[in-house]
Amino acid sequence: MRFILDPKPVDADPVTDVAIAHALLRLASEGELGPTVRISVPGGPTAAFGRSDVRRPGFVSAAEASRALGFAPIVRGAGGRVAAYTEKTLVIDHVSPDPDPGAGMRDRFRDYGTLLTSVLQEVGVDARVGAVPGEYCPGEYSVNARGVAKLVGTAQRIVRGAWLFSAVVVLGDGPLLRATLPIVHNRLELALRRRSIGSVFEEAPGLDVDAVASALLRAYDRMTDVEVVPLEDAILDRADRLRPDHRPVRPGVGSRRSA
């Protein structure tokens, strides 16, 4: 399996990060790319809104609030509700061609939830699969700590002939996220319990981003042959064309579509 490792962002604009994931998905759907995993570190604090958030009356106010709090608002490609993260985060985007991408959706949530839980357990976290009460972007296969604090959110997107599985592993900046997310959720009129927001570093002090990324890579290596490859220019070119699809254009408008 091809792995693209981006320990440093290629662009400080968080829109680029989600556009790259979208580009990988489109290339897989067109038969130009096989199974590929990209592990990246965001370029800066980001409020990643789901497309269902964009349709809510409070979206413009929520986007403005996140920007005022230092979190760049973007519209992500995968499903789910708004999530926030900083540079102390690992984002995992896994794409694969698939003639029937919808058939395995539930299995992917379960299997990758189990995988990410085992990785965090390996580095000393009491990690478990399952939603916690009042969590952001709620999901049955979220990964939590001790059954009380969410650490990893997962989401998917399917297109004709391919799927994208995306996971956000919150490593640090828990206090900042607990100060920011409730305000954004309030603007969207979404429920959230502040104490449900956790981070890996709070659960296992002494860890760093590299330690968790290395444990994740080892877990994949135990399952399949791992081939580390660079982020190719063709992917970046496609991502550049897809950027408008992930950026709020003006107040009251979520995003434009690109090919």
C-alpha atoms as a PDB file:
ATOM      1  CA  MET A   1       0.000   0.000   0.000  1.00  0.00           C
ATOM      2  CA  ARG A   2       1.224   3.481  -0.873  1.00  0.00           C
ATOM      3  CA  PHE A   3       1.829   5.869   2.035  1.00  0.00           C
ATOM      4  CA  ILE A   4       2.265   9.603   1.724  1.00  0.00           C
ATOM      5  CA  LEU A   5       3.806  11.098   4.858  1.00  0.00           C
ATOM      6  CA  ASP A   6       3.387  14.858   5.338  1.00  0.00           C
ATOM      7  CA  PRO A   7       4.938  15.687   8.714  1.00  0.00           C
ATOM      8  CA  LYS A   8       5.170  19.305   7.573  1.00  0.00           C
ATOM      9  CA  PRO A   9       2.284  20.970   5.731  1.00  0.00           C
ATOM     10  CA  VAL A  10       2.857  21.710   2.051  1.00  0.00           C
ATOM     11  CA  ASP A  11       0.793  24.867   2.423  1.00  0.00           C
ATOM     12  CA  ALA A  12      -0.181  26.892   5.480  1.00  0.00           C
ATOM     13  CA  ASP A  13      -3.729  27.207   4.113  1.00  0.00           C
ATOM     14  CA  PRO A  14      -5.851  24.440   5.717  1.00  0.00           C
ATOM     15  CA  VAL A  15      -8.013  24.371   2.592  1.00  0.00           C
ATOM     16  CA  THR A  16      -5.121  22.690   0.801  1.00  0.00           C
ATOM     17  CA  ASP A  17      -5.115  19.771   3.254  1.00  0.00           C
ATOM     18  CA  VAL A  18      -8.723  18.820   2.607  1.00  0.00           C
ATOM     19  CA  ALA A  19      -8.373  19.496  -1.115  1.00  0.00           C
ATOM     20  CA  ILE A  20      -5.505  16.967  -1.284  1.00  0.00           C
ATOM     21  CA  ALA A  21      -7.725  14.304   0.282  1.00  0.00           C
ATOM     22  CA  HIS A  22     -10.432  15.139  -2.247  1.00  0.00           C
ATOM     23  CA  ALA A  23      -7.898  14.919  -5.083  1.00  0.00           C
ATOM     24  CA  LEU A  24      -6.755  11.482  -3.901  1.00  0.00           C
ATOM     25  CA  LEU A  25     -10.372  10.296  -3.860  1.00  0.00           C
ATOM     26  CA  ARG A  26     -11.071  11.573  -7.362  1.00  0.00           C
ATOM     27  CA  LEU A  27      -7.903  10.042  -8.775  1.00  0.00           C
ATOM     28  CA  ALA A  28      -8.782   6.705  -7.172  1.00  0.00           C
ATOM     29  CA  SER A  29     -12.278   6.843  -8.647  1.00  0.00           C
ATOM     30  CA  GLU A  30     -10.802   7.473 -12.105  1.00  0.00           C
ATOM     31  CA  GLY A  31      -8.442   4.501 -11.879  1.00  0.00           C
ATOM     32  CA  GLU A  32      -5.354   6.719 -11.654  1.00  0.00           C
ATOM     33  CA  LEU A  33      -4.501   5.769  -8.060  1.00  0.00           C
ATOM     34  CA  GLY A  34      -4.516   2.543  -6.065  1.00  0.00           C
ATOM     35  CA  PRO A  35      -5.043   2.157  -2.299  1.00  0.00           C
ATOM     36  CA  THR A  36      -3.257   5.078  -0.668  1.00  0.00           C
ATOM     37  CA  VAL A  37      -2.927   6.453   2.853  1.00  0.00           C
ATOM     38  CA  ARG A  38      -1.850  10.008   3.568  1.00  0.00           C
ATOM     39  CA  ILE A  39      -0.773  10.895   7.094  1.00  0.00           C
ATOM     40  CA  SER A  40      -0.414  14.635   7.574  1.00  0.00           C
ATOM     41  CA  VAL A  41      -0.092  17.396  10.142  1.00  0.00           C
ATOM     42  CA  PRO A  42      -2.439  20.360   9.586  1.00  0.00           C
ATOM     43  CA  GLY A  43      -1.023  23.697   8.564  1.00  0.00           C
ATOM     44  CA  GLY A  44      -2.750  25.569  11.388  1.00  0.00           C
ATOM     45  CA  PRO A  45      -5.820  25.716  13.642  1.00  0.00           C
ATOM     46  CA  THR A  46      -8.820  24.626  11.605  1.00  0.00           C
ATOM     47  CA  ALA A  47     -12.580  24.404  12.048  1.00  0.00           C
ATOM     48  CA  ALA A  48     -13.634  21.690   9.608  1.00  0.00           C
ATOM     49  CA  PHE A  49     -17.349  21.998   8.898  1.00  0.00           C
ATOM     50  CA  GLY A  50     -19.376  19.179   7.396  1.00  0.00           C
ATOM     51  CA  ARG A  51     -21.624  19.840   4.430  1.00  0.00           C
ATOM     52  CA  SER A  52     -24.674  19.405   6.650  1.00  0.00           C
ATOM     53  CA  ASP A  53     -23.317  22.249   8.814  1.00  0.00           C
ATOM     54  CA  VAL A  54     -23.152  24.531   5.770  1.00  0.00           C
ATOM     55  CA  ARG A  55     -26.914  24.155   5.321  1.00  0.00           C
ATOM     56  CA  ARG A  56     -27.711  25.206   8.900  1.00  0.00           C
ATOM     57  CA  PRO A  57     -28.938  28.789   9.461  1.00  0.00           C
ATOM     58  CA  GLY A  58     -26.122  29.444  11.928  1.00  0.00           C
ATOM     59  CA  PHE A  59     -23.291  28.429   9.604  1.00  0.00           C
ATOM     60  CA  VAL A  60     -22.159  31.944   8.654  1.00  0.00           C
ATOM     61  CA  SER A  61     -22.123  33.016  12.305  1.00  0.00           C
ATOM     62  CA  ALA A  62     -20.255  29.827  13.288  1.00  0.00           C
ATOM     63  CA  ALA A  63     -17.649  30.344  10.566  1.00  0.00           C
ATOM     64  CA  GLU A  64     -17.135  33.941  11.652  1.00  0.00           C
ATOM     65  CA  ALA A  65     -16.788  32.870  15.283  1.00  0.00           C
ATOM     66  CA  SER A  66     -14.210  30.208  14.459  1.00  0.00           C
ATOM     67  CA  ARG A  67     -12.196  32.705  12.432  1.00  0.00           C
ATOM     68  CA  ALA A  68     -12.292  35.227  15.285  1.00  0.00           C
ATOM     69  CA  LEU A  69     -11.009  32.508  17.613  1.00  0.00           C
ATOM     70  CA  GLY A  70      -8.068  31.795  15.298  1.00  0.00           C
ATOM     71  CA  PHE A  71      -9.461  28.695  13.580  1.00  0.00           C
ATOM     72  CA  ALA A  72      -9.693  28.861   9.798  1.00  0.00           C
ATOM     73  CA  PRO A  73     -13.142  27.675   8.649  1.00  0.00           C
ATOM     74  CA  ILE A  74     -13.138  25.108   5.846  1.00  0.00           C
ATOM     75  CA  VAL A  75     -15.710  22.763   4.334  1.00  0.00           C
ATOM     76  CA  ARG A  76     -14.431  19.212   4.457  1.00  0.00           C
ATOM     77  CA  GLY A  77     -15.166  16.527   1.921  1.00  0.00           C
ATOM     78  CA  ALA A  78     -16.013  13.678   4.280  1.00  0.00           C
ATOM     79  CA  GLY A  79     -19.269  13.526   6.214  1.00  0.00           C
ATOM     80  CA  GLY A  80     -20.017  14.401   9.812  1.00  0.00           C
ATOM     81  CA  ARG A  81     -20.364  17.573  11.853  1.00  0.00           C
ATOM     82  CA  VAL A  82     -17.884  20.327  12.665  1.00  0.00           C
ATOM     83  CA  ALA A  83     -14.598  19.353  14.286  1.00  0.00           C
ATOM     84  CA  ALA A  84     -11.676  21.551  15.295  1.00  0.00           C
ATOM     85  CA  TYR A  85      -7.986  20.762  15.449  1.00  0.00           C
ATOM     86  CA  THR A  86      -4.545  22.363  15.497  1.00  0.00           C
ATOM     87  CA  GLU A  87      -1.016  21.496  14.410  1.00  0.00           C
ATOM     88  CA  LYS A  88      -0.941  18.990  17.294  1.00  0.00           C
ATOM     89  CA  THR A  89      -3.055  16.583  15.268  1.00  0.00           C
ATOM     90  CA  LEU A  90      -2.591  13.697  12.881  1.00  0.00           C
ATOM     91  CA  VAL A  91      -4.968  13.532   9.934  1.00  0.00           C
ATOM     92  CA  ILE A  92      -5.253  10.160   8.217  1.00  0.00           C
ATOM     93  CA  ASP A  93      -6.847  10.017   4.769  1.00  0.00           C
ATOM     94  CA  HIS A  94      -7.216   6.525   3.277  1.00  0.00           C
ATOM     95  CA  VAL A  95      -8.580   6.204  -0.267  1.00  0.00           C
ATOM     96  CA  SER A  96      -9.181   3.126  -2.358  1.00  0.00           C
ATOM     97  CA  PRO A  97     -10.793   2.242  -5.670  1.00  0.00           C
ATOM     98  CA  ASP A  98     -13.867   0.095  -5.110  1.00  0.00           C
ATOM     99  CA  PRO A  99     -16.610  -0.945  -7.547  1.00  0.00           C
ATOM    100  CA  ASP A 100     -19.144  -0.897  -4.688  1.00  0.00           C
ATOM    101  CA  PRO A 101     -17.816   1.676  -2.207  1.00  0.00           C
ATOM    102  CA  GLY A 102     -20.980   1.865  -0.134  1.00  0.00           C
ATOM    103  CA  ALA A 103     -21.124  -1.821   0.725  1.00  0.00           C
ATOM    104  CA  GLY A 104     -18.269  -1.816   3.249  1.00  0.00           C
ATOM    105  CA  MET A 105     -18.936   1.518   4.939  1.00  0.00           C
ATOM    106  CA  ARG A 106     -19.937   0.159   8.349  1.00  0.00           C
ATOM    107  CA  ASP A 107     -17.118  -2.404   8.327  1.00  0.00           C
ATOM    108  CA  ARG A 108     -14.600   0.349   7.631  1.00  0.00           C
ATOM    109  CA  PHE A 109     -15.836   2.411  10.570  1.00  0.00           C
ATOM    110  CA  ARG A 110     -15.548  -0.626  12.846  1.00  0.00           C
ATOM    111  CA  ASP A 111     -12.195  -1.907  11.557  1.00  0.00           C
ATOM    112  CA  TYR A 112     -10.397   1.438  11.501  1.00  0.00           C
ATOM    113  CA  GLY A 113     -11.853   2.344  14.888  1.00  0.00           C
ATOM    114  CA  THR A 114     -10.330  -0.857  16.240  1.00  0.00           C
ATOM    115  CA  LEU A 115      -6.999  -0.155  14.523  1.00  0.00           C
ATOM    116  CA  LEU A 116      -6.711   3.386  15.888  1.00  0.00           C
ATOM    117  CA  THR A 117      -7.709   2.228  19.356  1.00  0.00           C
ATOM    118  CA  SER A 118      -4.926  -0.381  19.336  1.00  0.00           C
ATOM    119  CA  VAL A 119      -2.372   2.222  18.210  1.00  0.00           C
ATOM    120  CA  LEU A 120      -3.280   4.542  21.090  1.00  0.00           C
ATOM    121  CA  GLN A 121      -3.227   1.668  23.546  1.00  0.00           C
ATOM    122  CA  GLU A 122       0.283   0.826  22.331  1.00  0.00           C
ATOM    123  CA  VAL A 123       1.490   4.320  23.300  1.00  0.00           C
ATOM    124  CA  GLY A 124      -0.091   4.147  26.753  1.00  0.00           C
ATOM    125  CA  VAL A 125      -3.614   5.539  26.353  1.00  0.00           C
ATOM    126  CA  ASP A 126      -6.675   3.848  27.870  1.00  0.00           C
ATOM    127  CA  ALA A 127      -8.372   4.012  24.455  1.00  0.00           C
ATOM    128  CA  ARG A 128     -11.740   2.495  23.621  1.00  0.00           C
ATOM    129  CA  VAL A 129     -14.102   2.394  20.653  1.00  0.00           C
ATOM    130  CA  GLY A 130     -17.435   4.139  21.074  1.00  0.00           C
ATOM    131  CA  ALA A 131     -19.194   7.467  21.348  1.00  0.00           C
ATOM    132  CA  VAL A 132     -19.147   9.451  24.569  1.00  0.00           C
ATOM    133  CA  PRO A 133     -22.097  11.538  25.801  1.00  0.00           C
ATOM    134  CA  GLY A 134     -22.288  14.990  24.218  1.00  0.00           C
ATOM    135  CA  GLU A 135     -19.285  14.553  21.902  1.00  0.00           C
ATOM    136  CA  TYR A 136     -18.648  16.690  18.819  1.00  0.00           C
ATOM    137  CA  CYS A 137     -19.291  15.039  15.444  1.00  0.00           C
ATOM    138  CA  PRO A 138     -20.884  12.041  17.202  1.00  0.00           C
ATOM    139  CA  GLY A 139     -20.210   8.571  15.869  1.00  0.00           C
ATOM    140  CA  GLU A 140     -20.645   5.003  17.024  1.00  0.00           C
ATOM    141  CA  TYR A 141     -17.016   4.218  16.197  1.00  0.00           C
ATOM    142  CA  SER A 142     -15.307   7.278  17.630  1.00  0.00           C
ATOM    143  CA  VAL A 143     -12.219   6.521  19.710  1.00  0.00           C
ATOM    144  CA  ASN A 144     -12.286   7.793  23.274  1.00  0.00           C
ATOM    145  CA  ALA A 145     -10.217   7.781  26.441  1.00  0.00           C
ATOM    146  CA  ARG A 146     -11.590   6.004  29.511  1.00  0.00           C
ATOM    147  CA  GLY A 147     -15.103   6.153  28.049  1.00  0.00           C
ATOM    148  CA  VAL A 148     -15.394   9.892  28.754  1.00  0.00           C
ATOM    149  CA  ALA A 149     -13.291  11.997  26.334  1.00  0.00           C
ATOM    150  CA  LYS A 150     -13.209  11.822  22.536  1.00  0.00           C
ATOM    151  CA  LEU A 151      -9.753  11.517  20.973  1.00  0.00           C
ATOM    152  CA  VAL A 152     -10.406  10.467  17.364  1.00  0.00           C
ATOM    153  CA  GLY A 153     -13.201  11.348  14.985  1.00  0.00           C
ATOM    154  CA  THR A 154     -13.782   9.392  11.782  1.00  0.00           C
ATOM    155  CA  ALA A 155     -15.802  10.120   8.657  1.00  0.00           C
ATOM    156  CA  GLN A 156     -16.228   8.782   5.153  1.00  0.00           C
ATOM    157  CA  ARG A 157     -17.086   9.890   1.664  1.00  0.00           C
ATOM    158  CA  ILE A 158     -18.005   7.646  -1.222  1.00  0.00           C
ATOM    159  CA  VAL A 159     -18.070   8.503  -4.911  1.00  0.00           C
ATOM    160  CA  ARG A 160     -18.596   6.313  -7.935  1.00  0.00           C
ATOM    161  CA  GLY A 161     -15.816   3.747  -7.876  1.00  0.00           C
ATOM    162  CA  ALA A 162     -13.932   4.801  -4.729  1.00  0.00           C
ATOM    163  CA  TRP A 163     -14.106   5.677  -1.044  1.00  0.00           C
ATOM    164  CA  LEU A 164     -12.340   7.989   1.392  1.00  0.00           C
ATOM    165  CA  PHE A 165     -11.966   7.161   5.080  1.00  0.00           C
ATOM    166  CA  SER A 166     -10.705  10.111   7.104  1.00  0.00           C
ATOM    167  CA  ALA A 167      -9.631  10.173  10.757  1.00  0.00           C
ATOM    168  CA  VAL A 168      -8.580  13.111  12.919  1.00  0.00           C
ATOM    169  CA  VAL A 169      -6.400  12.075  15.878  1.00  0.00           C
ATOM    170  CA  VAL A 170      -6.346  14.945  18.372  1.00  0.00           C
ATOM    171  CA  LEU A 171      -2.943  14.826  20.035  1.00  0.00           C
ATOM    172  CA  GLY A 172      -2.698  18.144  21.859  1.00  0.00           C
ATOM    173  CA  ASP A 173      -4.230  21.563  22.593  1.00  0.00           C
ATOM    174  CA  GLY A 174      -7.145  20.065  24.508  1.00  0.00           C
ATOM    175  CA  PRO A 175      -7.773  23.247  26.572  1.00  0.00           C
ATOM    176  CA  LEU A 176      -7.849  25.390  23.434  1.00  0.00           C
ATOM    177  CA  LEU A 177     -10.335  23.045  21.764  1.00  0.00           C
ATOM    178  CA  ARG A 178     -12.524  23.001  24.873  1.00  0.00           C
ATOM    179  CA  ALA A 179     -12.605  26.805  24.755  1.00  0.00           C
ATOM    180  CA  THR A 180     -13.378  26.993  21.014  1.00  0.00           C
ATOM    181  CA  LEU A 181     -15.686  24.157  20.025  1.00  0.00           C
ATOM    182  CA  PRO A 182     -18.572  25.001  22.401  1.00  0.00           C
ATOM    183  CA  ILE A 183     -18.809  28.518  20.935  1.00  0.00           C
ATOM    184  CA  VAL A 184     -18.901  27.213  17.360  1.00  0.00           C
ATOM    185  CA  HIS A 185     -21.448  24.546  18.281  1.00  0.00           C
ATOM    186  CA  ASN A 186     -23.621  27.111  20.001  1.00  0.00           C
ATOM    187  CA  ARG A 187     -23.766  29.196  16.799  1.00  0.00           C
ATOM    188  CA  LEU A 188     -24.879  26.072  14.915  1.00  0.00           C
ATOM    189  CA  GLU A 189     -27.357  25.189  17.686  1.00  0.00           C
ATOM    190  CA  LEU A 190     -25.670  21.827  18.192  1.00  0.00           C
ATOM    191  CA  ALA A 191     -25.341  20.178  21.591  1.00  0.00           C
ATOM    192  CA  LEU A 192     -21.851  19.653  23.038  1.00  0.00           C
ATOM    193  CA  ARG A 193     -20.432  18.728  26.427  1.00  0.00           C
ATOM    194  CA  ARG A 194     -17.144  20.549  26.995  1.00  0.00           C
ATOM    195  CA  ARG A 195     -15.643  17.725  29.048  1.00  0.00           C
ATOM    196  CA  SER A 196     -16.180  15.267  26.175  1.00  0.00           C
ATOM    197  CA  ILE A 197     -13.302  16.946  24.287  1.00  0.00           C
ATOM    198  CA  GLY A 198      -9.995  15.218  24.994  1.00  0.00           C
ATOM    199  CA  SER A 199      -6.487  14.869  23.625  1.00  0.00           C
ATOM    200  CA  VAL A 200      -3.876  12.120  23.505  1.00  0.00           C
ATOM    201  CA  PHE A 201      -1.146  14.129  25.201  1.00  0.00           C
ATOM    202  CA  GLU A 202      -3.386  14.779  28.212  1.00  0.00           C
ATOM    203  CA  GLU A 203      -3.902  11.028  28.560  1.00  0.00           C
ATOM    204  CA  ALA A 204      -0.249  10.061  28.053  1.00  0.00           C
ATOM    205  CA  PRO A 205       2.103  12.939  28.970  1.00  0.00           C
ATOM    206  CA  GLY A 206       5.523  12.734  27.373  1.00  0.00           C
ATOM    207  CA  LEU A 207       4.349  11.639  23.945  1.00  0.00           C
ATOM    208  CA  ASP A 208       4.962  13.694  20.819  1.00  0.00           C
ATOM    209  CA  VAL A 209       3.591  13.714  17.274  1.00  0.00           C
ATOM    210  CA  ASP A 210       6.413  11.568  15.900  1.00  0.00           C
ATOM    211  CA  ALA A 211       5.863   8.829  18.497  1.00  0.00           C
ATOM    212  CA  VAL A 212       2.192   8.466  17.614  1.00  0.00           C
ATOM    213  CA  ALA A 213       2.861   8.661  13.871  1.00  0.00           C
ATOM    214  CA  SER A 214       5.509   5.943  14.183  1.00  0.00           C
ATOM    215  CA  ALA A 215       3.140   3.678  16.123  1.00  0.00           C
ATOM    216  CA  LEU A 216       0.491   4.206  13.452  1.00  0.00           C
ATOM    217  CA  LEU A 217       2.908   3.332  10.660  1.00  0.00           C
ATOM    218  CA  ARG A 218       3.996   0.178  12.495  1.00  0.00           C
ATOM    219  CA  ALA A 219       0.366  -0.889  12.825  1.00  0.00           C
ATOM    220  CA  TYR A 220      -0.177  -0.556   9.085  1.00  0.00           C
ATOM    221  CA  ASP A 221       3.114  -2.315   8.382  1.00  0.00           C
ATOM    222  CA  ARG A 222       1.934  -5.338  10.372  1.00  0.00           C
ATOM    223  CA  MET A 223      -1.143  -5.580   8.131  1.00  0.00           C
ATOM    224  CA  THR A 224       0.278  -4.901   4.681  1.00  0.00           C
ATOM    225  CA  ASP A 225       3.400  -3.974   2.746  1.00  0.00           C
ATOM    226  CA  VAL A 226       4.027  -0.264   3.179  1.00  0.00           C
ATOM    227  CA  GLU A 227       5.605   1.765   0.378  1.00  0.00           C
ATOM    228  CA  VAL A 228       6.365   5.366   1.331  1.00  0.00           C
ATOM    229  CA  VAL A 229       6.009   7.681  -1.665  1.00  0.00           C
ATOM    230  CA  PRO A 230       6.173  11.467  -2.152  1.00  0.00           C
ATOM    231  CA  LEU A 231       3.196  13.710  -2.706  1.00  0.00           C
ATOM    232  CA  GLU A 232       3.226  13.952  -6.501  1.00  0.00           C
ATOM    233  CA  ASP A 233       2.735  17.121  -8.518  1.00  0.00           C
ATOM    234  CA  ALA A 234      -0.292  15.615 -10.265  1.00  0.00           C
ATOM    235  CA  ILE A 235      -2.046  15.289  -6.895  1.00  0.00           C
ATOM    236  CA  LEU A 236      -1.198  18.863  -5.923  1.00  0.00           C
ATOM    237  CA  ASP A 237      -2.382  20.162  -9.302  1.00  0.00           C
ATOM    238  CA  ARG A 238      -5.705  18.370  -8.920  1.00  0.00           C
ATOM    239  CA  ALA A 239      -6.027  19.615  -5.344  1.00  0.00           C
ATOM    240  CA  ASP A 240      -5.484  23.193  -6.487  1.00  0.00           C
ATOM    241  CA  ARG A 241      -8.482  22.897  -8.805  1.00  0.00           C
ATOM    242  CA  LEU A 242     -10.600  21.469  -5.995  1.00  0.00           C
ATOM    243  CA  ARG A 243      -9.807  24.148  -3.421  1.00  0.00           C
ATOM    244  CA  PRO A 244     -12.958  26.232  -4.082  1.00  0.00           C
ATOM    245  CA  ASP A 245     -15.080  23.231  -3.108  1.00  0.00           C
ATOM    246  CA  HIS A 246     -13.769  23.455   0.462  1.00  0.00           C
ATOM    247  CA  ARG A 247     -13.694  27.171   1.128  1.00  0.00           C
ATOM    248  CA  PRO A 248     -16.651  29.320   2.183  1.00  0.00           C
ATOM    249  CA  VAL A 249     -16.957  31.818  -0.660  1.00  0.00           C
ATOM    250  CA  ARG A 250     -18.878  34.645   0.968  1.00  0.00           C
ATOM    251  CA  PRO A 251     -21.384  35.047   3.808  1.00  0.00           C
ATOM    252  CA  GLY A 252     -24.368  32.807   3.256  1.00  0.00           C
ATOM    253  CA  VAL A 253     -22.652  30.585   0.692  1.00  0.00           C
ATOM    254  CA  GLY A 254     -20.972  27.305   1.600  1.00  0.00           C
ATOM    255  CA  SER A 255     -18.793  26.315  -1.313  1.00  0.00           C
ATOM    256  CA  ARG A 256     -18.504  26.051  -5.053  1.00  0.00           C
ATOM    257  CA  ARG A 257     -18.115  22.802  -6.942  1.00  0.00           C
ATOM    258  CA  SER A 258     -15.069  21.884  -8.989  1.00  0.00           C
ATOM    259  CA  ALA A 259     -14.184  18.887 -11.084  1.00  0.00           C
END
